[in-house]
Amino acid sequence: MKLKDMNERDIISTITRIFRAESIDNVLFSPMVGPGEDDCAVIEIGEGRYLVSSTDMLHESTDFPKGMTPWQMGWMSVAVNLSDIAAMGAKPIGIMMAMGLPPNTELDFIKELAGGMDACARQHGTSIIGGDVDRHDELTIVGSALGLADAGYLVRRKGAQVGDVVCVTGELGAAGAALDALLNRAEAYPYVMKKLYMPVPRIREGMALARTGCLTSMMDISDGLALSLHDIGTASGVGFCINAASIPVHRTVREMAGSEARVMEWSVYSGGDFELLFTIRAECVEKARKVAKFTVIGEVTAEGITILQDDSTALVDARGYQQFGDKV
């Protein structure tokens, strides 16, 4: 079998089964959350604290949409890593960035790229603490983010319970609308282009929500709402019922869409929004609203992932943005 015949999650699952084939007995700190299990790896470091760590790789040809400035590329390369830290409810403590650089790259390009990285890190309370540069045929950036979480407030994908409510921060569909406009050379409003080019990792919201002690699961929506629901559902052994009318979508996205079908495609099946999807005990919703803005979009069920729209119910397919296989 070739990778082109597989999807990203199947490839990751194949690899991580090898990494977990044997237990590790001679390490100082054993991972509590290992490869492929969550948004971040988690290591207990004592005194009731966890170190969380995430790594993301970005390539110019596949991950940086047309029209991005070097500064925006730098911003995005940090933001995608911080979004994983936010999904665990952790506080970022440092980011390491490795860059593969074509030798004919202008020095001013690299300065602007680094400036975007630095700006994103600083705006979210951390900094670039190290990394590497190497020669490469294509601009390639690998970021690794580190964070700290108190044991009582770490939030994972696993933990959603039947009867919990399903929530998202921010609004969905803007990145999908922007990508669609770029692909079809259609008019794209500045609002959606900024959402695509400069995603905002929800660090503050993730930390604040986690500290309420009310969340039962959480992850970021980098690959789209549908895939994220399937990921939490698989990890927690539950299903979901989502109300389409409750999904928060900016009026600009609706104006660009022109139809509810396109709104649904962009807000449910397109990636790039980097909001947080989480489940919370129903009795805790008002408590959580005191620390962060979010929208309730559905509830946790025993099985199946469905969406209610116009008095009809449909299954939510496990599709969205993936590096291999079918992609949106």
C-alpha atoms as a PDB file:
ATOM      1  CA  MET A   1       0.000   0.000   0.000  1.00  0.00           C
ATOM      2  CA  LYS A   2       1.211   3.511  -0.826  1.00  0.00           C
ATOM      3  CA  LEU A   3       0.685   6.651   1.235  1.00  0.00           C
ATOM      4  CA  LYS A   4      -1.413   8.170  -1.550  1.00  0.00           C
ATOM      5  CA  ASP A   5      -3.987   5.446  -0.862  1.00  0.00           C
ATOM      6  CA  MET A   6      -4.226   6.297   2.861  1.00  0.00           C
ATOM      7  CA  ASN A   7      -5.454   9.265   4.860  1.00  0.00           C
ATOM      8  CA  GLU A   8      -3.377  11.220   7.349  1.00  0.00           C
ATOM      9  CA  ARG A   9      -4.910   9.707  10.473  1.00  0.00           C
ATOM     10  CA  ASP A  10      -4.359   6.136   9.236  1.00  0.00           C
ATOM     11  CA  ILE A  11      -0.690   6.922   8.567  1.00  0.00           C
ATOM     12  CA  ILE A  12      -0.262   8.440  12.023  1.00  0.00           C
ATOM     13  CA  SER A  13      -1.957   5.426  13.610  1.00  0.00           C
ATOM     14  CA  THR A  14       0.384   3.031  11.786  1.00  0.00           C
ATOM     15  CA  ILE A  15       3.472   4.914  12.922  1.00  0.00           C
ATOM     16  CA  THR A  16       2.415   5.449  16.532  1.00  0.00           C
ATOM     17  CA  ARG A  17       1.635   1.756  17.007  1.00  0.00           C
ATOM     18  CA  ILE A  18       5.328   1.121  16.366  1.00  0.00           C
ATOM     19  CA  PHE A  19       6.385   3.795  18.880  1.00  0.00           C
ATOM     20  CA  ARG A  20       4.131   2.266  21.528  1.00  0.00           C
ATOM     21  CA  ALA A  21       5.053  -1.345  20.752  1.00  0.00           C
ATOM     22  CA  GLU A  22       7.212  -1.660  23.866  1.00  0.00           C
ATOM     23  CA  SER A  23       7.087   0.168  27.178  1.00  0.00           C
ATOM     24  CA  ILE A  24      10.000   2.407  28.087  1.00  0.00           C
ATOM     25  CA  ASP A  25      11.457   1.579  31.476  1.00  0.00           C
ATOM     26  CA  ASN A  26      14.712   3.515  31.507  1.00  0.00           C
ATOM     27  CA  VAL A  27      13.511   7.080  31.026  1.00  0.00           C
ATOM     28  CA  LEU A  28      13.349   9.700  33.748  1.00  0.00           C
ATOM     29  CA  PHE A  29       9.867  10.907  32.839  1.00  0.00           C
ATOM     30  CA  SER A  30       7.466   8.492  31.137  1.00  0.00           C
ATOM     31  CA  PRO A  31       4.825  10.039  28.851  1.00  0.00           C
ATOM     32  CA  MET A  32       1.315  10.114  30.302  1.00  0.00           C
ATOM     33  CA  VAL A  33      -0.050  10.900  26.829  1.00  0.00           C
ATOM     34  CA  GLY A  34       2.010   9.347  24.061  1.00  0.00           C
ATOM     35  CA  PRO A  35       2.284   9.618  20.275  1.00  0.00           C
ATOM     36  CA  GLY A  36      -0.960  10.084  18.374  1.00  0.00           C
ATOM     37  CA  GLU A  37      -3.187  10.106  21.444  1.00  0.00           C
ATOM     38  CA  ASP A  38      -3.990  13.810  21.674  1.00  0.00           C
ATOM     39  CA  ASP A  39      -3.144  17.320  20.457  1.00  0.00           C
ATOM     40  CA  CYS A  40       0.058  17.192  22.530  1.00  0.00           C
ATOM     41  CA  ALA A  41       2.304  14.663  24.190  1.00  0.00           C
ATOM     42  CA  VAL A  42       2.121  14.967  27.986  1.00  0.00           C
ATOM     43  CA  ILE A  43       4.837  14.179  30.534  1.00  0.00           C
ATOM     44  CA  GLU A  44       4.342  14.338  34.301  1.00  0.00           C
ATOM     45  CA  ILE A  45       7.259  16.334  35.738  1.00  0.00           C
ATOM     46  CA  GLY A  46       6.366  16.262  39.418  1.00  0.00           C
ATOM     47  CA  GLU A  47       4.751  18.648  41.904  1.00  0.00           C
ATOM     48  CA  GLY A  48       1.405  18.208  40.204  1.00  0.00           C
ATOM     49  CA  ARG A  49       2.522  19.631  36.870  1.00  0.00           C
ATOM     50  CA  TYR A  50       2.618  18.363  33.308  1.00  0.00           C
ATOM     51  CA  LEU A  51       4.851  19.319  30.427  1.00  0.00           C
ATOM     52  CA  VAL A  52       2.920  19.342  27.142  1.00  0.00           C
ATOM     53  CA  SER A  53       4.621  19.375  23.754  1.00  0.00           C
ATOM     54  CA  SER A  54       3.477  19.587  20.145  1.00  0.00           C
ATOM     55  CA  THR A  55       5.194  19.631  16.735  1.00  0.00           C
ATOM     56  CA  ASP A  56       3.883  20.808  13.362  1.00  0.00           C
ATOM     57  CA  MET A  57       5.521  20.892   9.927  1.00  0.00           C
ATOM     58  CA  LEU A  58       4.578  23.417   7.247  1.00  0.00           C
ATOM     59  CA  HIS A  59       5.625  23.487   3.588  1.00  0.00           C
ATOM     60  CA  GLU A  60       5.378  26.514   1.336  1.00  0.00           C
ATOM     61  CA  SER A  61       3.624  24.644  -1.490  1.00  0.00           C
ATOM     62  CA  THR A  62       0.981  22.862   0.608  1.00  0.00           C
ATOM     63  CA  ASP A  63       0.463  24.874   3.796  1.00  0.00           C
ATOM     64  CA  PHE A  64       0.982  28.548   2.976  1.00  0.00           C
ATOM     65  CA  PRO A  65      -1.912  29.774   0.815  1.00  0.00           C
ATOM     66  CA  LYS A  66      -1.264  31.997  -2.165  1.00  0.00           C
ATOM     67  CA  GLY A  67      -0.780  35.668  -1.338  1.00  0.00           C
ATOM     68  CA  MET A  68       0.725  35.265   2.127  1.00  0.00           C
ATOM     69  CA  THR A  69       3.564  37.562   3.116  1.00  0.00           C
ATOM     70  CA  PRO A  70       6.686  36.124   4.766  1.00  0.00           C
ATOM     71  CA  TRP A  71       5.577  37.791   8.018  1.00  0.00           C
ATOM     72  CA  GLN A  72       2.226  35.993   7.853  1.00  0.00           C
ATOM     73  CA  MET A  73       3.975  32.692   7.116  1.00  0.00           C
ATOM     74  CA  GLY A  74       6.040  33.181  10.247  1.00  0.00           C
ATOM     75  CA  TRP A  75       2.965  34.054  12.288  1.00  0.00           C
ATOM     76  CA  MET A  76       1.062  30.998  11.071  1.00  0.00           C
ATOM     77  CA  SER A  77       3.950  28.617  11.728  1.00  0.00           C
ATOM     78  CA  VAL A  78       3.917  29.612  15.399  1.00  0.00           C
ATOM     79  CA  ALA A  79       0.133  29.896  15.716  1.00  0.00           C
ATOM     80  CA  VAL A  80      -0.539  26.305  14.605  1.00  0.00           C
ATOM     81  CA  ASN A  81       1.746  24.997  17.351  1.00  0.00           C
ATOM     82  CA  LEU A  82       0.305  27.262  20.032  1.00  0.00           C
ATOM     83  CA  SER A  83      -3.190  26.140  19.077  1.00  0.00           C
ATOM     84  CA  ASP A  84      -2.309  22.599  20.179  1.00  0.00           C
ATOM     85  CA  ILE A  85      -1.042  23.937  23.508  1.00  0.00           C
ATOM     86  CA  ALA A  86      -4.311  25.859  23.930  1.00  0.00           C
ATOM     87  CA  ALA A  87      -6.294  22.673  23.269  1.00  0.00           C
ATOM     88  CA  MET A  88      -4.781  21.094  26.385  1.00  0.00           C
ATOM     89  CA  GLY A  89      -5.573  24.116  28.563  1.00  0.00           C
ATOM     90  CA  ALA A  90      -1.840  24.707  29.047  1.00  0.00           C
ATOM     91  CA  LYS A  91       0.334  27.817  29.351  1.00  0.00           C
ATOM     92  CA  PRO A  92       3.007  28.121  26.620  1.00  0.00           C
ATOM     93  CA  ILE A  93       6.580  28.366  27.912  1.00  0.00           C
ATOM     94  CA  GLY A  94       8.624  28.335  24.704  1.00  0.00           C
ATOM     95  CA  ILE A  95       8.746  27.520  21.006  1.00  0.00           C
ATOM     96  CA  MET A  96      11.552  26.039  18.904  1.00  0.00           C
ATOM     97  CA  MET A  97      11.549  26.660  15.162  1.00  0.00           C
ATOM     98  CA  ALA A  98      13.564  24.748  12.547  1.00  0.00           C
ATOM     99  CA  MET A  99      13.668  26.160   9.010  1.00  0.00           C
ATOM    100  CA  GLY A 100      14.609  24.439   5.770  1.00  0.00           C
ATOM    101  CA  LEU A 101      15.646  27.287   3.449  1.00  0.00           C
ATOM    102  CA  PRO A 102      16.259  27.315  -0.319  1.00  0.00           C
ATOM    103  CA  PRO A 103      19.722  28.854  -0.905  1.00  0.00           C
ATOM    104  CA  ASN A 104      18.365  31.529  -3.263  1.00  0.00           C
ATOM    105  CA  THR A 105      16.036  32.943  -0.592  1.00  0.00           C
ATOM    106  CA  GLU A 106      16.455  36.684   0.009  1.00  0.00           C
ATOM    107  CA  LEU A 107      17.754  37.640   3.452  1.00  0.00           C
ATOM    108  CA  ASP A 108      14.963  40.215   3.805  1.00  0.00           C
ATOM    109  CA  PHE A 109      12.434  37.380   3.350  1.00  0.00           C
ATOM    110  CA  ILE A 110      13.967  35.502   6.292  1.00  0.00           C
ATOM    111  CA  LYS A 111      14.011  38.618   8.458  1.00  0.00           C
ATOM    112  CA  GLU A 112      10.324  39.194   7.800  1.00  0.00           C
ATOM    113  CA  LEU A 113       9.552  35.508   8.367  1.00  0.00           C
ATOM    114  CA  ALA A 114      11.318  35.556  11.733  1.00  0.00           C
ATOM    115  CA  GLY A 115       9.543  38.788  12.640  1.00  0.00           C
ATOM    116  CA  GLY A 116       6.156  37.133  12.175  1.00  0.00           C
ATOM    117  CA  MET A 117       7.213  34.201  14.334  1.00  0.00           C
ATOM    118  CA  ASP A 118       8.400  36.499  17.089  1.00  0.00           C
ATOM    119  CA  ALA A 119       5.244  38.635  16.979  1.00  0.00           C
ATOM    120  CA  CYS A 120       2.891  35.656  17.334  1.00  0.00           C
ATOM    121  CA  ALA A 121       4.907  34.126  20.153  1.00  0.00           C
ATOM    122  CA  ARG A 122       5.125  37.372  22.115  1.00  0.00           C
ATOM    123  CA  GLN A 123       1.470  38.233  21.646  1.00  0.00           C
ATOM    124  CA  HIS A 124       0.574  34.935  23.296  1.00  0.00           C
ATOM    125  CA  GLY A 125       2.909  35.226  26.250  1.00  0.00           C
ATOM    126  CA  THR A 126       5.924  33.235  25.134  1.00  0.00           C
ATOM    127  CA  SER A 127       9.001  33.430  22.890  1.00  0.00           C
ATOM    128  CA  ILE A 128      11.162  31.551  20.420  1.00  0.00           C
ATOM    129  CA  ILE A 129      13.782  29.763  22.539  1.00  0.00           C
ATOM    130  CA  GLY A 130      15.782  27.883  19.908  1.00  0.00           C
ATOM    131  CA  GLY A 131      15.738  25.952  16.664  1.00  0.00           C
ATOM    132  CA  ASP A 132      17.793  25.168  13.577  1.00  0.00           C
ATOM    133  CA  VAL A 133      18.313  26.180   9.944  1.00  0.00           C
ATOM    134  CA  ASP A 134      19.169  23.883   7.062  1.00  0.00           C
ATOM    135  CA  ARG A 135      19.329  23.891   3.283  1.00  0.00           C
ATOM    136  CA  HIS A 136      16.179  22.644   1.580  1.00  0.00           C
ATOM    137  CA  ASP A 137      14.614  22.657  -1.877  1.00  0.00           C
ATOM    138  CA  GLU A 138      11.395  24.197  -0.528  1.00  0.00           C
ATOM    139  CA  LEU A 139      10.693  26.518   2.392  1.00  0.00           C
ATOM    140  CA  THR A 140       9.853  24.129   5.209  1.00  0.00           C
ATOM    141  CA  ILE A 141       9.193  25.138   8.811  1.00  0.00           C
ATOM    142  CA  VAL A 142       8.974  22.758  11.741  1.00  0.00           C
ATOM    143  CA  GLY A 143       7.800  24.202  15.040  1.00  0.00           C
ATOM    144  CA  SER A 144       7.758  22.605  18.465  1.00  0.00           C
ATOM    145  CA  ALA A 145       5.810  24.260  21.276  1.00  0.00           C
ATOM    146  CA  LEU A 146       6.165  23.545  24.982  1.00  0.00           C
ATOM    147  CA  GLY A 147       3.621  24.283  27.675  1.00  0.00           C
ATOM    148  CA  LEU A 148       2.829  23.662  31.335  1.00  0.00           C
ATOM    149  CA  ALA A 149      -0.458  22.524  32.848  1.00  0.00           C
ATOM    150  CA  ASP A 150      -1.471  21.827  36.420  1.00  0.00           C
ATOM    151  CA  ALA A 151      -2.567  18.243  36.946  1.00  0.00           C
ATOM    152  CA  GLY A 152      -6.101  19.201  37.920  1.00  0.00           C
ATOM    153  CA  TYR A 153      -6.672  21.326  34.841  1.00  0.00           C
ATOM    154  CA  LEU A 154      -5.211  19.337  31.954  1.00  0.00           C
ATOM    155  CA  VAL A 155      -7.910  18.752  29.318  1.00  0.00           C
ATOM    156  CA  ARG A 156      -7.739  15.909  26.806  1.00  0.00           C
ATOM    157  CA  ARG A 157      -9.780  14.637  23.861  1.00  0.00           C
ATOM    158  CA  LYS A 158     -10.777  11.689  26.013  1.00  0.00           C
ATOM    159  CA  GLY A 159     -13.406  12.380  28.650  1.00  0.00           C
ATOM    160  CA  ALA A 160     -16.642  13.526  27.004  1.00  0.00           C
ATOM    161  CA  GLN A 161     -19.726  12.039  28.644  1.00  0.00           C
ATOM    162  CA  VAL A 162     -23.271  11.483  27.397  1.00  0.00           C
ATOM    163  CA  GLY A 163     -25.348  14.517  28.374  1.00  0.00           C
ATOM    164  CA  ASP A 164     -22.472  17.022  28.136  1.00  0.00           C
ATOM    165  CA  VAL A 165     -22.983  19.984  25.840  1.00  0.00           C
ATOM    166  CA  VAL A 166     -20.752  20.681  22.832  1.00  0.00           C
ATOM    167  CA  CYS A 167     -19.236  24.152  22.409  1.00  0.00           C
ATOM    168  CA  VAL A 168     -16.896  26.118  20.148  1.00  0.00           C
ATOM    169  CA  THR A 169     -15.017  29.364  20.589  1.00  0.00           C
ATOM    170  CA  GLY A 170     -15.184  32.098  17.967  1.00  0.00           C
ATOM    171  CA  GLU A 171     -16.792  31.616  14.554  1.00  0.00           C
ATOM    172  CA  LEU A 172     -16.312  28.901  11.947  1.00  0.00           C
ATOM    173  CA  GLY A 173     -16.033  28.857   8.181  1.00  0.00           C
ATOM    174  CA  ALA A 174     -13.907  31.932   7.494  1.00  0.00           C
ATOM    175  CA  ALA A 175     -10.770  29.995   6.554  1.00  0.00           C
ATOM    176  CA  GLY A 176     -12.816  27.693   4.333  1.00  0.00           C
ATOM    177  CA  ALA A 177     -14.397  30.681   2.609  1.00  0.00           C
ATOM    178  CA  ALA A 178     -10.974  32.224   1.993  1.00  0.00           C
ATOM    179  CA  LEU A 179      -9.506  29.003   0.609  1.00  0.00           C
ATOM    180  CA  ASP A 180     -12.507  28.538  -1.670  1.00  0.00           C
ATOM    181  CA  ALA A 181     -12.112  32.084  -2.995  1.00  0.00           C
ATOM    182  CA  LEU A 182      -8.406  31.536  -3.684  1.00  0.00           C
ATOM    183  CA  LEU A 183      -9.060  28.213  -5.407  1.00  0.00           C
ATOM    184  CA  ASN A 184     -11.796  29.650  -7.627  1.00  0.00           C
ATOM    185  CA  ARG A 185     -10.248  33.107  -8.072  1.00  0.00           C
ATOM    186  CA  ALA A 186     -13.321  34.704  -6.570  1.00  0.00           C
ATOM    187  CA  GLU A 187     -13.579  37.840  -4.463  1.00  0.00           C
ATOM    188  CA  ALA A 188     -12.440  37.282  -0.890  1.00  0.00           C
ATOM    189  CA  TYR A 189     -13.228  39.807   1.816  1.00  0.00           C
ATOM    190  CA  PRO A 190     -10.370  41.113   4.012  1.00  0.00           C
ATOM    191  CA  TYR A 191     -12.031  39.591   7.092  1.00  0.00           C
ATOM    192  CA  VAL A 192     -11.797  36.011   5.828  1.00  0.00           C
ATOM    193  CA  MET A 193      -8.306  36.452   4.375  1.00  0.00           C
ATOM    194  CA  LYS A 194      -6.994  37.648   7.739  1.00  0.00           C
ATOM    195  CA  LYS A 195      -8.617  34.651   9.430  1.00  0.00           C
ATOM    196  CA  LEU A 196      -6.811  32.352   7.000  1.00  0.00           C
ATOM    197  CA  TYR A 197      -3.430  34.098   6.956  1.00  0.00           C
ATOM    198  CA  MET A 198      -3.214  34.981  10.661  1.00  0.00           C
ATOM    199  CA  PRO A 199      -5.058  32.383  12.765  1.00  0.00           C
ATOM    200  CA  VAL A 200      -5.333  33.281  16.436  1.00  0.00           C
ATOM    201  CA  PRO A 201      -4.521  30.428  18.832  1.00  0.00           C
ATOM    202  CA  ARG A 202      -7.007  30.472  21.692  1.00  0.00           C
ATOM    203  CA  ILE A 203      -4.426  30.344  24.478  1.00  0.00           C
ATOM    204  CA  ARG A 204      -6.281  32.635  26.873  1.00  0.00           C
ATOM    205  CA  GLU A 205      -9.599  30.876  26.339  1.00  0.00           C
ATOM    206  CA  GLY A 206      -8.077  27.419  26.646  1.00  0.00           C
ATOM    207  CA  MET A 207      -6.393  28.206  29.948  1.00  0.00           C
ATOM    208  CA  ALA A 208      -9.411  30.020  31.399  1.00  0.00           C
ATOM    209  CA  LEU A 209     -11.881  27.310  30.423  1.00  0.00           C
ATOM    210  CA  ALA A 210      -9.642  24.536  31.728  1.00  0.00           C
ATOM    211  CA  ARG A 211      -9.324  26.264  35.083  1.00  0.00           C
ATOM    212  CA  THR A 212     -13.081  26.197  35.620  1.00  0.00           C
ATOM    213  CA  GLY A 213     -12.736  22.454  36.149  1.00  0.00           C
ATOM    214  CA  CYS A 214     -15.895  21.994  34.076  1.00  0.00           C
ATOM    215  CA  LEU A 215     -14.524  20.764  30.739  1.00  0.00           C
ATOM    216  CA  THR A 216     -14.635  17.056  29.955  1.00  0.00           C
ATOM    217  CA  SER A 217     -12.764  17.144  26.612  1.00  0.00           C
ATOM    218  CA  MET A 218     -11.210  19.613  24.184  1.00  0.00           C
ATOM    219  CA  MET A 219      -9.206  19.891  20.958  1.00  0.00           C
ATOM    220  CA  ASP A 220      -8.557  22.541  18.332  1.00  0.00           C
ATOM    221  CA  ILE A 221     -10.434  22.673  15.018  1.00  0.00           C
ATOM    222  CA  SER A 222      -7.409  22.983  12.744  1.00  0.00           C
ATOM    223  CA  ASP A 223      -8.654  20.248  10.376  1.00  0.00           C
ATOM    224  CA  GLY A 224     -12.337  21.186  10.500  1.00  0.00           C
ATOM    225  CA  LEU A 225     -15.279  20.673  12.853  1.00  0.00           C
ATOM    226  CA  ALA A 226     -16.311  17.319  11.374  1.00  0.00           C
ATOM    227  CA  LEU A 227     -12.931  15.617  11.785  1.00  0.00           C
ATOM    228  CA  SER A 228     -12.544  17.098  15.261  1.00  0.00           C
ATOM    229  CA  LEU A 229     -15.923  15.704  16.337  1.00  0.00           C
ATOM    230  CA  HIS A 230     -14.882  12.288  15.057  1.00  0.00           C
ATOM    231  CA  ASP A 231     -11.534  12.525  16.876  1.00  0.00           C
ATOM    232  CA  ILE A 232     -13.130  13.385  20.242  1.00  0.00           C
ATOM    233  CA  GLY A 233     -15.896  10.852  19.643  1.00  0.00           C
ATOM    234  CA  THR A 234     -13.375   8.076  18.999  1.00  0.00           C
ATOM    235  CA  ALA A 235     -11.199   9.020  21.977  1.00  0.00           C
ATOM    236  CA  SER A 236     -14.155   9.322  24.357  1.00  0.00           C
ATOM    237  CA  GLY A 237     -16.321   6.524  22.992  1.00  0.00           C
ATOM    238  CA  VAL A 238     -19.318   8.802  22.446  1.00  0.00           C
ATOM    239  CA  GLY A 239     -21.373  10.420  19.680  1.00  0.00           C
ATOM    240  CA  PHE A 240     -22.695  13.917  19.046  1.00  0.00           C
ATOM    241  CA  CYS A 241     -25.831  15.652  17.868  1.00  0.00           C
ATOM    242  CA  ILE A 242     -25.037  19.097  16.408  1.00  0.00           C
ATOM    243  CA  ASN A 243     -27.567  21.823  15.607  1.00  0.00           C
ATOM    244  CA  ALA A 244     -26.565  23.432  12.293  1.00  0.00           C
ATOM    245  CA  ALA A 245     -28.410  26.657  13.142  1.00  0.00           C
ATOM    246  CA  SER A 246     -26.291  27.065  16.287  1.00  0.00           C
ATOM    247  CA  ILE A 247     -22.895  26.904  14.546  1.00  0.00           C
ATOM    248  CA  PRO A 248     -21.486  30.455  14.766  1.00  0.00           C
ATOM    249  CA  VAL A 249     -20.751  31.833  11.291  1.00  0.00           C
ATOM    250  CA  HIS A 250     -19.759  35.446  10.558  1.00  0.00           C
ATOM    251  CA  ARG A 251     -22.134  37.426   8.332  1.00  0.00           C
ATOM    252  CA  THR A 252     -19.295  37.964   5.840  1.00  0.00           C
ATOM    253  CA  VAL A 253     -18.955  34.209   5.364  1.00  0.00           C
ATOM    254  CA  ARG A 254     -22.703  33.877   4.800  1.00  0.00           C
ATOM    255  CA  GLU A 255     -22.611  36.695   2.264  1.00  0.00           C
ATOM    256  CA  MET A 256     -19.760  35.032   0.369  1.00  0.00           C
ATOM    257  CA  ALA A 257     -21.444  31.617   0.503  1.00  0.00           C
ATOM    258  CA  GLY A 258     -24.763  32.574  -1.010  1.00  0.00           C
ATOM    259  CA  SER A 259     -26.306  29.264   0.069  1.00  0.00           C
ATOM    260  CA  GLU A 260     -26.695  27.212   3.230  1.00  0.00           C
ATOM    261  CA  ALA A 261     -24.988  24.278   1.523  1.00  0.00           C
ATOM    262  CA  ARG A 262     -21.761  26.264   1.116  1.00  0.00           C
ATOM    263  CA  VAL A 263     -22.043  27.647   4.648  1.00  0.00           C
ATOM    264  CA  MET A 264     -22.265  24.055   5.866  1.00  0.00           C
ATOM    265  CA  GLU A 265     -19.284  22.963   3.772  1.00  0.00           C
ATOM    266  CA  TRP A 266     -17.077  25.808   4.988  1.00  0.00           C
ATOM    267  CA  SER A 267     -18.071  25.716   8.661  1.00  0.00           C
ATOM    268  CA  VAL A 268     -18.225  21.934   9.153  1.00  0.00           C
ATOM    269  CA  TYR A 269     -15.844  20.336   6.666  1.00  0.00           C
ATOM    270  CA  SER A 270     -13.131  22.957   5.983  1.00  0.00           C
ATOM    271  CA  GLY A 271     -10.004  23.347   8.110  1.00  0.00           C
ATOM    272  CA  GLY A 272      -7.951  26.360   9.121  1.00  0.00           C
ATOM    273  CA  ASP A 273     -10.180  28.037  11.719  1.00  0.00           C
ATOM    274  CA  PHE A 274      -8.065  27.024  14.766  1.00  0.00           C
ATOM    275  CA  GLU A 275     -10.916  27.551  17.213  1.00  0.00           C
ATOM    276  CA  LEU A 276     -11.466  25.266  20.212  1.00  0.00           C
ATOM    277  CA  LEU A 277     -14.061  22.492  20.285  1.00  0.00           C
ATOM    278  CA  PHE A 278     -14.911  21.313  23.785  1.00  0.00           C
ATOM    279  CA  THR A 279     -17.479  19.459  25.844  1.00  0.00           C
ATOM    280  CA  ILE A 280     -18.665  20.632  29.221  1.00  0.00           C
ATOM    281  CA  ARG A 281     -21.045  19.447  31.901  1.00  0.00           C
ATOM    282  CA  ALA A 282     -24.428  21.052  31.286  1.00  0.00           C
ATOM    283  CA  GLU A 283     -24.682  22.517  34.768  1.00  0.00           C
ATOM    284  CA  CYS A 284     -21.354  24.338  34.305  1.00  0.00           C
ATOM    285  CA  VAL A 285     -22.147  26.341  31.170  1.00  0.00           C
ATOM    286  CA  GLU A 286     -22.921  29.610  32.945  1.00  0.00           C
ATOM    287  CA  LYS A 287     -19.823  29.305  35.111  1.00  0.00           C
ATOM    288  CA  ALA A 288     -17.692  28.870  32.000  1.00  0.00           C
ATOM    289  CA  ARG A 289     -19.329  31.855  30.290  1.00  0.00           C
ATOM    290  CA  LYS A 290     -17.850  34.084  32.980  1.00  0.00           C
ATOM    291  CA  VAL A 291     -14.301  33.370  31.759  1.00  0.00           C
ATOM    292  CA  ALA A 292     -14.617  32.998  27.972  1.00  0.00           C
ATOM    293  CA  LYS A 293     -16.925  33.589  25.015  1.00  0.00           C
ATOM    294  CA  PHE A 294     -18.222  30.480  23.273  1.00  0.00           C
ATOM    295  CA  THR A 295     -21.293  29.021  21.570  1.00  0.00           C
ATOM    296  CA  VAL A 296     -23.204  25.870  22.497  1.00  0.00           C
ATOM    297  CA  ILE A 297     -23.752  23.905  19.260  1.00  0.00           C
ATOM    298  CA  GLY A 298     -25.051  20.532  20.416  1.00  0.00           C
ATOM    299  CA  GLU A 299     -24.866  17.707  22.910  1.00  0.00           C
ATOM    300  CA  VAL A 300     -22.972  14.496  23.522  1.00  0.00           C
ATOM    301  CA  THR A 301     -24.891  11.312  22.702  1.00  0.00           C
ATOM    302  CA  ALA A 302     -24.229   7.607  23.132  1.00  0.00           C
ATOM    303  CA  GLU A 303     -23.184   6.958  19.546  1.00  0.00           C
ATOM    304  CA  GLY A 304     -23.134   8.355  16.009  1.00  0.00           C
ATOM    305  CA  ILE A 305     -22.328  11.888  14.878  1.00  0.00           C
ATOM    306  CA  THR A 306     -25.292  13.693  13.380  1.00  0.00           C
ATOM    307  CA  ILE A 307     -26.295  17.224  12.475  1.00  0.00           C
ATOM    308  CA  LEU A 308     -29.814  18.695  12.573  1.00  0.00           C
ATOM    309  CA  GLN A 309     -30.698  21.023   9.712  1.00  0.00           C
ATOM    310  CA  ASP A 310     -34.126  22.153   8.510  1.00  0.00           C
ATOM    311  CA  ASP A 311     -35.961  19.510  10.563  1.00  0.00           C
ATOM    312  CA  SER A 312     -33.870  16.703   9.076  1.00  0.00           C
ATOM    313  CA  THR A 313     -30.954  14.742  10.471  1.00  0.00           C
ATOM    314  CA  ALA A 314     -27.834  13.777   8.541  1.00  0.00           C
ATOM    315  CA  LEU A 315     -24.658  11.915   9.425  1.00  0.00           C
ATOM    316  CA  VAL A 316     -21.481  13.977   9.741  1.00  0.00           C
ATOM    317  CA  ASP A 317     -18.806  12.446   7.515  1.00  0.00           C
ATOM    318  CA  ALA A 318     -15.268  12.047   8.852  1.00  0.00           C
ATOM    319  CA  ARG A 319     -13.711  14.402   6.336  1.00  0.00           C
ATOM    320  CA  GLY A 320     -11.865  17.702   6.402  1.00  0.00           C
ATOM    321  CA  TYR A 321      -8.339  18.899   5.759  1.00  0.00           C
ATOM    322  CA  GLN A 322      -5.765  16.085   5.646  1.00  0.00           C
ATOM    323  CA  GLN A 323      -2.284  15.951   4.153  1.00  0.00           C
ATOM    324  CA  PHE A 324      -2.939  12.553   2.537  1.00  0.00           C
ATOM    325  CA  GLY A 325      -5.995  10.977   0.961  1.00  0.00           C
ATOM    326  CA  ASP A 326      -9.064  13.062   0.187  1.00  0.00           C
ATOM    327  CA  LYS A 327      -8.655  16.695   1.232  1.00  0.00           C
ATOM    328  CA  VAL A 328     -10.966  19.687   1.486  1.00  0.00           C
END
